[in-house]
Protein backbone atom coordinates (compact mmCIF):
# COMPACT_ATOMS: atom_id res chain seq x y z
CA MET A 1 1.84 -31.68 12.40
CA GLU A 2 3.58 -29.92 9.53
CA LEU A 3 1.25 -28.83 6.73
CA THR A 4 3.84 -28.36 3.98
CA ASP A 5 7.03 -29.91 2.71
CA ASN A 6 8.19 -26.65 1.13
CA ARG A 7 11.84 -26.59 2.21
CA PHE A 8 12.03 -22.78 2.24
CA VAL A 9 9.20 -22.77 4.77
CA THR A 10 10.31 -25.68 6.93
CA GLU A 11 13.99 -24.72 7.08
CA TRP A 12 13.13 -21.21 8.18
CA ILE A 13 10.65 -22.44 10.81
CA ASN A 14 13.24 -24.85 12.20
CA GLU A 15 15.75 -21.98 12.46
CA VAL A 16 13.24 -19.91 14.42
CA ILE A 17 12.38 -22.85 16.70
CA ALA A 18 16.08 -23.37 17.46
CA MET A 19 16.44 -19.69 18.34
CA THR A 20 13.22 -18.95 20.26
CA GLN A 21 12.93 -22.42 21.88
CA PRO A 22 9.13 -22.77 22.25
CA ASP A 23 7.78 -25.68 24.28
CA GLU A 24 5.40 -26.59 21.45
CA THR A 25 4.74 -25.68 17.82
CA VAL A 26 1.18 -25.59 16.48
CA TRP A 27 0.52 -25.37 12.75
CA ILE A 28 -2.59 -23.28 12.07
CA ASP A 29 -4.81 -24.77 9.36
CA GLY A 30 -7.50 -22.06 9.38
CA SER A 31 -10.33 -24.41 10.36
CA GLU A 32 -13.11 -23.12 12.59
CA GLU A 33 -12.64 -26.20 14.79
CA GLN A 34 -9.04 -25.27 15.56
CA LEU A 35 -9.85 -21.58 16.04
CA ALA A 36 -12.70 -22.40 18.45
CA LYS A 37 -10.29 -24.50 20.51
CA LEU A 38 -7.79 -21.63 20.62
CA ARG A 39 -10.48 -19.17 21.72
CA LEU A 40 -11.43 -21.49 24.57
CA GLU A 41 -7.79 -21.85 25.63
CA ALA A 42 -7.29 -18.06 25.48
CA VAL A 43 -10.36 -17.49 27.68
CA LYS A 44 -8.99 -19.95 30.25
CA THR A 45 -5.60 -18.19 30.35
CA GLY A 46 -7.23 -14.74 30.49
CA GLU A 47 -5.72 -13.56 27.21
CA ILE A 48 -9.26 -12.78 26.01
CA ILE A 49 -12.63 -12.42 27.75
CA LYS A 50 -15.83 -13.96 26.40
CA LEU A 51 -18.54 -11.34 26.04
CA ASN A 52 -22.31 -11.60 26.45
CA GLU A 53 -23.30 -14.21 23.89
CA LYS A 54 -26.85 -12.94 23.59
CA GLU A 55 -25.89 -9.30 23.02
CA LEU A 56 -22.58 -9.84 21.21
CA PRO A 57 -22.48 -13.38 19.80
CA GLY A 58 -19.00 -14.70 19.07
CA CYS A 59 -17.34 -11.57 20.50
CA PHE A 60 -14.35 -11.27 22.83
CA LEU A 61 -12.41 -8.55 24.66
CA HIS A 62 -8.62 -8.32 24.65
CA ARG A 63 -6.54 -6.01 26.84
CA SER A 64 -3.03 -5.07 25.89
CA ASP A 65 -0.30 -4.01 28.29
CA PRO A 66 -0.88 -0.33 29.29
CA ARG A 67 2.58 0.45 27.87
CA ASP A 68 1.68 -1.15 24.56
CA VAL A 69 -1.40 0.50 23.08
CA ALA A 70 -0.48 1.89 19.65
CA ARG A 71 1.88 1.67 16.70
CA VAL A 72 5.36 2.83 17.68
CA GLU A 73 6.75 4.75 14.74
CA GLU A 74 9.92 5.66 16.63
CA ARG A 75 10.65 1.92 17.07
CA THR A 76 9.76 0.97 13.49
CA PHE A 77 12.69 0.46 11.13
CA ILE A 78 13.39 -0.16 7.45
CA CYS A 79 16.62 -2.16 7.31
CA THR A 80 18.36 -1.76 3.96
CA LYS A 81 22.00 -2.33 3.02
CA ASP A 82 22.11 0.96 1.14
CA PRO A 83 21.85 3.84 3.66
CA SER A 84 19.72 5.79 1.18
CA GLY A 85 17.25 2.94 0.68
CA ALA A 86 14.94 3.92 3.52
CA GLY A 87 14.90 7.64 2.72
CA PRO A 88 14.76 10.61 5.11
CA THR A 89 11.30 9.90 6.55
CA ASN A 90 11.94 6.35 7.80
CA ASN A 91 14.07 5.09 10.65
CA ARG A 92 16.88 2.97 9.22
CA MET A 93 19.30 0.53 10.71
CA ALA A 94 21.80 -1.64 8.83
CA PRO A 95 20.46 -5.21 8.50
CA GLU A 96 23.37 -6.87 10.26
CA GLU A 97 23.09 -4.50 13.24
CA MET A 98 19.33 -5.00 13.57
CA TYR A 99 19.59 -8.78 13.16
CA GLY A 100 22.13 -8.78 15.99
CA LYS A 101 19.79 -6.90 18.34
CA LEU A 102 16.85 -9.11 17.42
CA ARG A 103 18.84 -12.32 17.80
CA ASP A 104 19.70 -11.36 21.37
CA ILE A 105 16.06 -10.57 22.17
CA CYS A 106 14.58 -13.62 20.45
CA THR A 107 16.97 -16.25 21.81
CA GLY A 108 14.90 -18.31 24.23
CA ALA A 109 12.04 -15.78 24.07
CA MET A 110 9.37 -18.47 23.57
CA ARG A 111 10.46 -20.82 26.37
CA GLY A 112 7.36 -21.98 28.21
CA ARG A 113 5.16 -20.84 25.34
CA THR A 114 3.60 -22.22 22.18
CA MET A 115 4.69 -21.00 18.77
CA TYR A 116 1.92 -20.79 16.18
CA VAL A 117 2.61 -21.09 12.46
CA ILE A 118 0.13 -18.89 10.52
CA PRO A 119 -0.07 -19.20 6.72
CA TYR A 120 -1.96 -16.30 5.15
CA SER A 121 -2.67 -14.55 1.90
CA LEU A 122 -3.20 -10.87 1.21
CA GLY A 123 -5.64 -10.87 -1.68
CA VAL A 124 -7.82 -13.79 -2.69
CA ILE A 125 -5.71 -16.96 -2.66
CA GLY A 126 -4.57 -17.82 -6.17
CA SER A 127 -5.43 -14.43 -7.68
CA GLU A 128 -2.97 -12.32 -9.65
CA PHE A 129 -2.97 -9.80 -6.83
CA ALA A 130 -2.29 -12.34 -4.06
CA LYS A 131 0.86 -12.20 -1.95
CA TYR A 132 1.66 -14.83 0.67
CA GLY A 133 3.12 -14.68 4.13
CA ILE A 134 3.79 -16.91 7.11
CA GLU A 135 3.78 -15.41 10.58
CA LEU A 136 5.31 -17.21 13.55
CA THR A 137 3.96 -15.90 16.86
CA ASP A 138 3.60 -16.77 20.54
CA SER A 139 0.27 -14.90 20.81
CA VAL A 140 -3.16 -16.50 20.46
CA TYR A 141 -4.54 -12.97 20.05
CA VAL A 142 -2.44 -12.65 16.89
CA VAL A 143 -3.72 -15.97 15.54
CA LEU A 144 -7.36 -15.01 16.12
CA SER A 145 -6.87 -11.54 14.66
CA MET A 146 -5.03 -12.77 11.58
CA ALA A 147 -7.86 -15.24 11.02
CA ILE A 148 -10.18 -12.22 10.74
CA MET A 149 -7.90 -9.84 8.84
CA THR A 150 -6.36 -12.15 6.22
CA HIS A 151 -7.22 -15.06 3.96
CA MET A 152 -5.71 -17.60 6.36
CA GLY A 153 -5.36 -21.35 6.10
CA LYS A 154 -3.54 -24.35 4.71
CA GLU A 155 -4.67 -23.48 1.15
CA VAL A 156 -1.87 -20.91 1.19
CA TYR A 157 0.70 -23.69 1.10
CA LYS A 158 -0.91 -25.13 -2.03
CA ALA A 159 -0.78 -21.75 -3.73
CA LEU A 160 2.83 -21.25 -2.68
CA GLY A 161 3.86 -24.71 -3.86
CA SER A 162 7.60 -25.28 -3.63
CA GLY A 163 8.47 -21.61 -4.17
CA SER A 164 10.21 -19.13 -1.90
CA ASP A 165 8.12 -16.06 -2.75
CA PHE A 166 6.58 -15.37 0.64
CA ILE A 167 7.12 -12.88 3.45
CA LYS A 168 8.72 -14.38 6.56
CA GLY A 169 7.22 -12.87 9.70
CA LEU A 170 8.38 -13.49 13.25
CA HIS A 171 6.61 -12.04 16.27
CA THR A 172 7.30 -12.66 19.92
CA LYS A 173 5.88 -10.86 22.91
CA ALA A 174 9.22 -11.56 24.60
CA LYS A 175 9.12 -9.49 27.85
CA LEU A 176 6.94 -6.65 26.46
CA ASP A 177 9.85 -4.37 27.24
CA PRO A 178 9.17 -0.96 25.59
CA GLU A 179 12.89 -0.15 25.57
CA GLN A 180 13.58 -3.28 23.53
CA ARG A 181 10.55 -3.01 21.25
CA TYR A 182 11.35 -3.18 17.53
CA ILE A 183 9.23 -3.56 14.41
CA ALA A 184 11.86 -4.26 11.80
CA HIS A 185 11.42 -4.68 8.05
CA PHE A 186 14.06 -6.26 5.83
CA PRO A 187 12.81 -5.66 2.27
CA GLU A 188 15.81 -7.32 0.65
CA ASP A 189 15.24 -10.50 2.70
CA LYS A 190 11.41 -10.44 2.56
CA THR A 191 11.40 -10.58 6.35
CA ILE A 192 9.53 -8.79 9.15
CA ILE A 193 10.42 -9.21 12.82
CA SER A 194 8.38 -7.69 15.66
CA VAL A 195 9.46 -8.07 19.30
CA ASN A 196 8.30 -6.92 22.74
CA SER A 197 4.82 -5.83 21.64
CA ALA A 198 1.37 -7.42 21.67
CA TYR A 199 -0.62 -4.49 20.19
CA GLY A 200 -2.35 -5.24 16.89
CA GLY A 201 -0.74 -2.57 14.72
CA ASN A 202 2.72 -3.80 15.70
CA VAL A 203 2.12 -7.54 15.65
CA LEU A 204 -0.48 -8.34 12.98
CA LEU A 205 2.30 -8.51 10.43
CA GLY A 206 -0.04 -8.83 7.47
CA LYS A 207 -1.45 -5.38 8.24
CA LYS A 208 0.67 -2.24 7.78
CA CYS A 209 4.00 -4.13 7.90
CA PHE A 210 3.34 -6.38 4.90
CA ALA A 211 0.35 -4.82 3.13
CA LEU A 212 1.98 -1.39 2.94
CA ARG A 213 5.67 -1.21 3.90
CA MET A 214 6.80 -4.45 2.26
CA ALA A 215 4.19 -4.34 -0.52
CA SER A 216 5.14 -0.80 -1.48
CA VAL A 217 8.65 -2.05 -2.17
CA SER A 218 7.49 -5.02 -4.25
CA GLY A 219 4.98 -2.70 -5.94
CA ARG A 220 7.81 -0.44 -7.06
CA ASP A 221 9.50 -3.45 -8.64
CA GLU A 222 6.35 -4.97 -10.17
CA ASN A 223 4.54 -1.92 -11.60
CA ARG A 224 1.98 -1.86 -8.83
CA LEU A 225 0.94 0.48 -6.04
CA ALA A 226 0.30 -0.50 -2.42
CA GLU A 227 -1.61 2.38 -0.86
CA HIS A 228 -3.18 3.50 2.39
CA MET A 229 -6.53 3.94 0.65
CA LEU A 230 -10.17 3.02 0.95
CA ILE A 231 -12.05 1.73 -2.11
CA LEU A 232 -15.63 2.89 -2.61
CA GLU A 233 -18.38 1.71 -4.95
CA VAL A 234 -20.94 4.33 -6.01
CA GLU A 235 -24.15 3.42 -7.85
CA ASP A 236 -26.18 6.31 -9.22
CA PRO A 237 -29.94 6.42 -9.95
CA LYS A 238 -29.27 5.28 -13.53
CA GLY A 239 -27.71 2.07 -12.22
CA ARG A 240 -24.19 3.06 -13.26
CA VAL A 241 -21.58 1.62 -10.89
CA ARG A 242 -18.27 3.44 -10.52
CA TYR A 243 -15.31 3.13 -8.20
CA LEU A 244 -12.92 5.50 -6.49
CA SER A 245 -10.02 5.10 -4.08
CA ALA A 246 -9.17 7.67 -1.43
CA ALA A 247 -6.27 8.38 0.93
CA PHE A 248 -6.75 10.22 4.22
CA PRO A 249 -4.42 10.65 7.20
CA SER A 250 -5.75 9.61 10.60
CA ALA A 251 -8.64 11.63 12.08
CA CYS A 252 -9.82 12.74 8.62
CA GLY A 253 -12.92 10.57 8.23
CA LYS A 254 -11.50 7.69 6.21
CA THR A 255 -13.51 4.84 7.74
CA ASN A 256 -16.66 6.96 7.82
CA LEU A 257 -16.31 7.64 4.10
CA ALA A 258 -15.62 3.96 3.35
CA MET A 259 -18.95 3.05 4.97
CA LEU A 260 -20.87 6.20 4.04
CA VAL A 261 -24.65 6.19 4.38
CA PRO A 262 -26.22 8.59 1.84
CA PRO A 263 -28.75 11.10 3.20
CA GLU A 264 -32.40 10.24 2.71
CA ILE A 265 -32.81 12.60 -0.26
CA TYR A 266 -30.11 10.60 -2.10
CA ARG A 267 -31.35 7.19 -0.99
CA ASP A 268 -34.85 8.04 -2.23
CA LYS A 269 -33.42 8.79 -5.68
CA GLY A 270 -31.63 5.43 -5.80
CA TRP A 271 -28.05 6.31 -4.86
CA LYS A 272 -26.15 3.44 -3.23
CA ILE A 273 -22.71 3.41 -1.60
CA ARG A 274 -20.89 0.13 -0.97
CA CYS A 275 -17.57 -0.61 0.67
CA VAL A 276 -14.81 -2.42 -1.23
CA GLY A 277 -12.15 -1.53 1.33
CA ASP A 278 -11.63 0.74 4.32
CA ASP A 279 -7.86 0.98 4.69
CA ILE A 280 -5.59 -0.57 2.06
CA ALA A 281 -5.69 -0.75 -1.73
CA TRP A 282 -3.38 -2.61 -4.07
CA LEU A 283 -3.54 -1.20 -7.59
CA LYS A 284 -2.12 -2.27 -10.94
CA PRO A 285 -2.72 -1.50 -14.62
CA GLY A 286 -5.24 -3.67 -16.41
CA GLU A 287 -5.14 -4.85 -20.02
CA ASP A 288 -7.81 -2.24 -20.79
CA GLY A 289 -5.48 0.64 -19.83
CA ARG A 290 -7.33 1.41 -16.62
CA LEU A 291 -6.03 1.15 -13.05
CA TRP A 292 -7.58 -1.78 -11.16
CA ALA A 293 -7.67 -2.16 -7.39
CA VAL A 294 -8.30 -4.77 -4.73
CA ASN A 295 -8.52 -4.59 -0.99
CA PRO A 296 -6.08 -7.32 0.07
CA GLU A 297 -7.60 -7.69 3.53
CA ASN A 298 -10.36 -9.93 4.83
CA GLY A 299 -11.56 -7.77 7.70
CA PHE A 300 -11.61 -4.36 9.35
CA PHE A 301 -9.29 -3.13 12.12
CA GLY A 302 -10.80 0.16 13.22
CA VAL A 303 -10.78 2.76 15.99
CA LEU A 304 -13.76 2.62 18.36
CA PRO A 305 -14.00 5.99 20.19
CA GLY A 306 -16.32 8.20 18.17
CA THR A 307 -17.91 5.28 16.32
CA ASN A 308 -21.67 5.60 16.78
CA GLU A 309 -25.00 5.60 14.99
CA ARG A 310 -24.44 9.04 13.52
CA SER A 311 -20.80 8.83 12.52
CA ASN A 312 -20.74 5.27 11.16
CA PRO A 313 -23.87 3.12 11.54
CA ASN A 314 -22.51 0.49 9.16
CA ALA A 315 -19.39 -0.03 11.27
CA LEU A 316 -21.51 -0.21 14.41
CA ALA A 317 -23.68 -2.88 12.82
CA ALA A 318 -20.63 -4.83 11.62
CA ILE A 319 -19.14 -5.24 15.09
CA LYS A 320 -22.20 -6.82 16.71
CA LYS A 321 -20.92 -10.37 16.16
CA ASN A 322 -17.70 -12.37 15.78
CA THR A 323 -15.64 -9.32 16.71
CA LEU A 324 -12.49 -8.98 18.79
CA TYR A 325 -12.51 -5.77 20.84
CA THR A 326 -9.33 -4.29 22.30
CA ASN A 327 -8.95 -1.89 25.25
CA VAL A 328 -12.58 -0.82 25.75
CA VAL A 329 -14.86 -0.58 28.79
CA LEU A 330 -16.31 -3.87 30.05
CA THR A 331 -19.80 -3.42 31.51
CA LYS A 332 -21.33 -5.41 34.35
CA GLU A 333 -23.58 -7.03 31.72
CA ASN A 334 -20.43 -8.30 30.00
CA THR A 335 -20.85 -6.01 27.00
CA VAL A 336 -18.58 -3.18 25.84
CA TRP A 337 -18.66 0.62 25.72
CA TRP A 338 -16.40 3.45 24.53
CA GLU A 339 -16.40 7.23 24.50
CA ARG A 340 -18.94 8.88 22.18
CA LEU A 341 -20.78 5.62 21.56
CA ASP A 342 -23.79 7.21 23.22
CA GLY A 343 -24.58 9.58 26.06
CA ASN A 344 -25.01 6.81 28.63
CA PRO A 345 -21.69 5.68 30.10
CA PRO A 346 -22.23 2.48 32.08
CA ARG A 347 -22.17 2.27 35.87
CA GLY A 348 -20.39 -0.50 37.72
CA ALA A 349 -18.04 -1.07 34.77
CA VAL A 350 -14.29 -1.56 34.49
CA ASN A 351 -12.03 0.50 32.23
CA TRP A 352 -9.68 -0.66 29.49
CA LYS A 353 -7.06 -1.58 32.11
CA GLY A 354 -9.52 -3.80 34.01
CA GLU A 355 -9.87 -1.30 36.88
CA PRO A 356 -13.15 -0.15 38.47
CA TRP A 357 -14.26 2.92 36.54
CA ASP A 358 -16.48 5.85 37.48
CA PRO A 359 -17.57 7.84 34.40
CA ASP A 360 -17.91 10.94 36.61
CA ASP A 361 -14.26 11.09 37.59
CA GLY A 362 -13.17 12.61 34.28
CA SER A 363 -11.05 9.69 33.10
CA SER A 364 -11.57 7.83 29.83
CA GLY A 365 -13.05 4.38 30.13
CA ALA A 366 -11.75 3.15 26.78
CA HIS A 367 -8.30 3.88 25.47
CA PRO A 368 -8.38 6.59 22.74
CA ASN A 369 -6.84 4.04 20.34
CA SER A 370 -9.13 1.18 21.34
CA ARG A 371 -9.93 -1.08 18.40
CA PHE A 372 -12.26 -3.55 16.79
CA THR A 373 -11.26 -6.43 14.55
CA THR A 374 -14.22 -7.76 12.59
CA PRO A 375 -14.81 -9.86 9.46
CA ALA A 376 -15.62 -7.87 6.32
CA VAL A 377 -18.64 -10.06 5.67
CA ASN A 378 -20.31 -8.46 8.70
CA CYS A 379 -20.49 -5.07 6.98
CA PRO A 380 -24.05 -4.25 5.83
CA CYS A 381 -22.79 -2.14 2.91
CA LEU A 382 -20.18 -4.59 1.64
CA SER A 383 -19.80 -4.59 -2.14
CA ARG A 384 -20.36 -7.77 -4.10
CA GLU A 385 -16.96 -7.03 -5.64
CA TYR A 386 -15.15 -7.16 -2.30
CA PHE A 387 -13.72 -10.62 -2.99
CA ASN A 388 -13.45 -10.25 -6.76
CA PRO A 389 -9.94 -11.56 -7.55
CA VAL A 390 -9.49 -9.22 -10.52
CA GLY A 391 -10.47 -6.12 -8.55
CA VAL A 392 -12.45 -3.07 -9.65
CA PRO A 393 -11.59 -0.30 -12.15
CA ILE A 394 -10.75 3.01 -10.50
CA SER A 395 -12.18 6.18 -12.03
CA ALA A 396 -11.01 8.66 -9.40
CA ILE A 397 -8.26 8.94 -6.81
CA VAL A 398 -9.05 11.27 -3.92
CA PHE A 399 -6.59 12.82 -1.48
CA GLY A 400 -7.87 14.43 1.71
CA GLY A 401 -6.70 16.23 4.81
CA ARG A 402 -7.91 18.30 7.75
CA ARG A 403 -7.42 22.03 7.12
CA THR A 404 -9.51 24.66 8.87
CA LYS A 405 -8.81 27.55 6.47
CA THR A 406 -6.41 26.64 3.67
CA ALA A 407 -7.71 23.87 1.40
CA PRO A 408 -11.03 24.15 -0.47
CA LEU A 409 -13.84 21.63 -0.19
CA VAL A 410 -12.76 19.97 -3.45
CA TYR A 411 -10.60 20.61 -6.48
CA GLN A 412 -9.49 18.49 -9.41
CA SER A 413 -5.88 18.23 -10.51
CA ARG A 414 -5.11 19.35 -14.05
CA ASP A 415 -3.47 16.03 -15.00
CA TRP A 416 -1.77 12.99 -13.46
CA THR A 417 1.49 14.78 -12.68
CA HIS A 418 -0.36 17.61 -10.98
CA GLY A 419 -2.34 14.97 -9.07
CA VAL A 420 0.84 13.31 -7.81
CA PHE A 421 1.98 16.76 -6.68
CA ALA A 422 -1.32 17.25 -4.84
CA GLY A 423 -0.85 13.90 -3.10
CA SER A 424 2.75 14.70 -2.21
CA ILE A 425 1.78 17.90 -0.36
CA MET A 426 -1.10 16.37 1.64
CA ALA A 427 -1.26 17.72 5.16
CA SER A 428 -3.46 17.83 8.24
CA GLU A 429 -3.63 20.04 11.28
CA THR A 430 -3.30 18.48 14.71
CA THR A 431 -6.55 18.41 16.65
CA ALA A 432 -5.58 17.77 20.29
CA ALA A 433 -2.94 19.03 22.71
CA ALA A 434 -1.95 15.40 23.39
CA ALA A 435 -0.53 15.28 19.89
CA GLY A 436 1.37 18.55 20.37
CA ALA A 437 0.25 22.10 19.71
CA VAL A 438 -3.22 22.34 18.19
CA GLY A 439 -3.30 23.40 14.56
CA VAL A 440 0.25 22.36 13.67
CA VAL A 441 0.46 21.33 10.02
CA ARG A 442 1.85 17.84 9.51
CA ARG A 443 2.72 16.62 6.03
CA ASP A 444 1.59 13.10 5.22
CA PRO A 445 2.06 12.49 1.48
CA MET A 446 -0.59 10.15 0.09
CA ALA A 447 -1.26 9.29 3.79
CA MET A 448 1.79 7.04 3.42
CA LEU A 449 4.48 8.82 5.45
CA PRO A 450 4.57 6.12 8.19
CA PHE A 451 4.02 3.27 5.72
CA CYS A 452 6.20 3.75 2.65
CA GLY A 453 8.92 1.10 2.77
CA TYR A 454 11.51 3.05 0.78
CA ASP A 455 12.62 6.58 -0.06
CA MET A 456 9.56 8.75 -0.65
CA GLY A 457 11.31 10.61 -3.45
CA ASP A 458 11.61 7.29 -5.30
CA TYR A 459 8.02 6.54 -4.33
CA TRP A 460 6.81 9.73 -6.06
CA ARG A 461 8.89 8.82 -9.10
CA HIS A 462 7.14 5.46 -9.15
CA TRP A 463 3.75 7.19 -9.05
CA LEU A 464 4.74 9.38 -11.98
CA ASN A 465 5.93 6.36 -13.95
CA MET A 466 2.72 4.45 -13.21
CA GLY A 467 0.60 7.26 -14.60
CA ALA A 468 2.72 7.54 -17.73
CA GLY A 469 1.95 3.90 -18.49
CA LEU A 470 -1.83 4.20 -18.15
CA GLU A 471 -3.94 4.87 -21.22
CA LYS A 472 -6.98 5.70 -19.10
CA ALA A 473 -5.53 7.02 -15.85
CA PRO A 474 -7.94 7.92 -13.04
CA LYS A 475 -8.52 11.60 -12.50
CA ILE A 476 -7.15 12.93 -9.23
CA PHE A 477 -8.98 15.14 -6.72
CA SER A 478 -8.29 16.74 -3.35
CA VAL A 479 -10.97 17.22 -0.68
CA ASN A 480 -11.24 18.87 2.72
CA TRP A 481 -14.36 18.33 4.83
CA PHE A 482 -13.02 20.46 7.69
CA ARG A 483 -13.15 24.15 6.69
CA LYS A 484 -14.37 26.31 9.56
CA ASN A 485 -16.05 29.67 10.02
CA ASP A 486 -14.43 32.36 12.15
CA ASP A 487 -16.49 31.14 15.11
CA GLY A 488 -14.87 27.68 14.85
CA SER A 489 -17.91 25.87 13.46
CA PHE A 490 -17.63 23.57 10.47
CA ILE A 491 -19.05 25.01 7.25
CA TRP A 492 -19.61 21.66 5.53
CA PRO A 493 -21.84 19.10 7.32
CA GLY A 494 -19.68 16.10 6.36
CA PHE A 495 -20.55 12.44 7.07
CA GLY A 496 -23.20 11.17 4.63
CA GLU A 497 -23.50 14.57 2.96
CA ASN A 498 -20.04 14.00 1.45
CA ILE A 499 -21.79 12.03 -1.30
CA ARG A 500 -22.64 15.44 -2.82
CA VAL A 501 -18.93 16.00 -3.47
CA LEU A 502 -18.43 12.44 -4.70
CA GLU A 503 -21.28 13.00 -7.17
CA TRP A 504 -19.39 15.97 -8.66
CA ILE A 505 -16.09 14.06 -8.67
CA LEU A 506 -17.52 11.16 -10.64
CA ALA A 507 -19.36 13.50 -13.00
CA ARG A 508 -16.01 15.12 -13.78
CA CYS A 509 -14.44 11.73 -14.41
CA PHE A 510 -16.97 11.03 -17.13
CA ASP A 511 -17.11 14.57 -18.59
CA GLU A 512 -20.67 15.06 -17.41
CA VAL A 513 -20.15 18.50 -15.87
CA GLU A 514 -17.93 21.50 -16.49
CA ALA A 515 -15.69 23.22 -13.96
CA ASP A 516 -14.11 26.58 -13.23
CA ILE A 517 -10.38 27.10 -13.42
CA SER A 518 -8.63 28.19 -10.22
CA PRO A 519 -4.98 28.63 -9.23
CA LEU A 520 -5.17 25.22 -7.55
CA GLY A 521 -6.89 23.30 -10.33
CA PHE A 522 -10.48 22.76 -11.47
CA ILE A 523 -13.19 23.64 -8.95
CA PRO A 524 -16.95 23.11 -9.10
CA LYS A 525 -19.34 25.79 -10.19
CA VAL A 526 -21.39 26.54 -7.08
CA SER A 527 -24.53 25.49 -8.93
CA ASP A 528 -23.03 22.05 -9.68
CA ILE A 529 -22.79 20.95 -6.05
CA ASN A 530 -26.23 19.52 -5.21
CA THR A 531 -27.46 21.26 -2.06
CA ASP A 532 -31.09 20.09 -2.20
CA GLY A 533 -32.26 19.51 1.35
CA LEU A 534 -29.06 20.98 2.77
CA ASP A 535 -28.99 24.08 4.96
CA ILE A 536 -26.07 25.83 3.30
CA SER A 537 -26.11 29.09 1.36
CA PRO A 538 -24.47 29.72 -2.02
CA GLU A 539 -22.23 32.23 -0.24
CA ALA A 540 -21.05 29.60 2.23
CA LEU A 541 -20.38 27.18 -0.61
CA GLU A 542 -18.44 29.89 -2.41
CA ARG A 543 -16.31 30.29 0.74
CA LEU A 544 -15.74 26.54 0.89
CA LEU A 545 -14.39 26.55 -2.66
CA SER A 546 -12.18 29.60 -2.23
CA ALA A 547 -8.44 29.86 -1.59
CA ASP A 548 -6.78 32.62 0.41
CA LYS A 549 -3.67 34.17 -1.16
CA SER A 550 -1.74 34.77 2.06
CA LEU A 551 -2.44 31.28 3.37
CA TRP A 552 -1.29 29.70 0.13
CA GLU A 553 1.84 31.86 0.04
CA SER A 554 2.73 30.40 3.43
CA GLU A 555 1.73 26.95 2.21
CA CYS A 556 4.11 27.17 -0.74
CA GLY A 557 6.96 28.07 1.58
CA GLU A 558 6.20 25.11 3.83
CA ILE A 559 5.99 22.76 0.83
CA ARG A 560 9.36 23.95 -0.44
CA GLU A 561 10.87 23.36 3.00
CA PHE A 562 9.34 19.87 3.16
CA TYR A 563 10.62 19.02 -0.31
CA SER A 564 14.15 20.02 0.71
CA LYS A 565 14.34 16.83 2.83
CA PHE A 566 14.47 14.68 -0.28
CA GLY A 567 17.44 16.27 -2.03
CA GLY A 568 18.25 14.76 -5.41
CA LYS A 569 15.52 12.13 -5.03
CA LEU A 570 12.77 14.73 -5.47
CA PRO A 571 11.38 14.36 -9.01
CA GLU A 572 11.92 17.49 -11.10
CA GLU A 573 8.31 17.29 -12.26
CA LEU A 574 7.09 17.94 -8.70
CA LEU A 575 9.42 20.88 -8.24
CA ARG A 576 8.03 22.35 -11.47
CA GLN A 577 4.50 21.84 -10.16
CA LEU A 578 5.46 23.78 -7.04
CA GLU A 579 6.78 26.62 -9.19
CA ILE A 580 3.52 26.64 -11.15
CA LEU A 581 1.57 26.81 -7.89
CA GLU A 582 3.74 29.66 -6.62
CA ASN A 583 3.15 31.58 -9.85
CA ASN A 584 -0.59 30.91 -9.72
CA VAL A 585 -0.81 32.02 -6.11
CA GLY A 586 0.97 35.22 -7.10
CA THR A 587 -1.92 36.02 -9.46
CA MET A 588 -4.58 35.68 -6.76
CA GLU A 589 -6.42 38.80 -5.71
């Protein structure tokens, strides 16, 4: 039964039906009754496994094809008519060429299958932030995941009305052929097509595909930002509630910070941390001159290995019910397990591939990129503002990375332009041989390198323009939790103790504390970082806030080389900021 008479929707769906030739078309209305029926059908077909209802009520396990376990950046394309539209850091293919490839793959791809029509909203339906999409898919896993991750249901059609302003998304598992796997974005046509994958990051088209790649393009045109950022609410002992957004590349503690649990000494004083978003922020100027942000998602899609009571107790609590697990260990009690959950790997279990698994044989039981998909409402530290359609006002923007020696614990940019520069040079060091040589520096500007839907030089220009139009722009900071001693141990304890740095950041935003001037920007006075109850010496803190001249000389050279990729698209303001940094580094002792 069709749920809309919008001709832009129905004509497009009919075109896809004619091409993919499904046996049946099911219109998803978002009702729990329909979703429960789909879960039951998926259990019968083996697409998902029902878990122990007593231990994990409403939870299921999904296994993806062993060749299909992560986002595939090398198969992800931005398809623009102008060859320069995608920029030097994206894969590009001309639209007509990509459409030709996809037409061949999609023709008849859904024969013998059901096509599901999923209407969804990113942002609260009807809000000024909201953007709408319709995903057509032959995967029940996608339907169930999109029901968790987005505001999904027939109300989307009412909000869309008779208009054409929605993102068309087509996904088919096809043959799961890795050699014919494409995740293609057509910004000029407002279309996303994903084929030959069934892994969440490639097929939940409302996630990175729409919420970042496509939304970054529309953000450029609509005076907005679509960013790979968490949003955090901080309440101090005086009851003052303030908000910050933060961008971190993978393996830099982003989810842990989004769900931070303050140490006891802070909790006793009345500090509270609440989550407004763990992964994506959409930001736009408000009438008051401030930058306002929403998390457009309705759930969390997080990595499981390493998630435990110490690293992220709030995430662990959130996934105890109504959660869809992917590629983890299945125990004989019909529960789940993953590496570094605890020190007790289960016996008699099966691994993420469904094979008998012996924890003593040295193999991993869960895939390193195993995931959870869980409703945001499950999170114990969820902010009351999570679903506020007008968003929250951002006081600070934080950029972070993983650097063992180079970057200090925290520094504040001198102004907005300097802050954009700091974001543009963000980098992390690789942490495992599987990702290449350990310690290799990888640039990931604003943590958006894989997700910016257009030329990053133009993206930085857009950031600069956004700041120029803000009367009360957020202050911008850079952090690094990962400085190490010569013996390889971390100097800063991290996790919940990071609130001590956030306290200083917010104090700076409201002119409540002074700072020292350094070649990099403003840094804390050692006495202004609260170390009560923390086993760290003033000398160690001094080291954490220091910058080494030789390391930063090398850093400047690497930044200049990175910038050379962008040619004439590199904003002159950023090049001037690099020259200032080079001059400042030259004055270091």
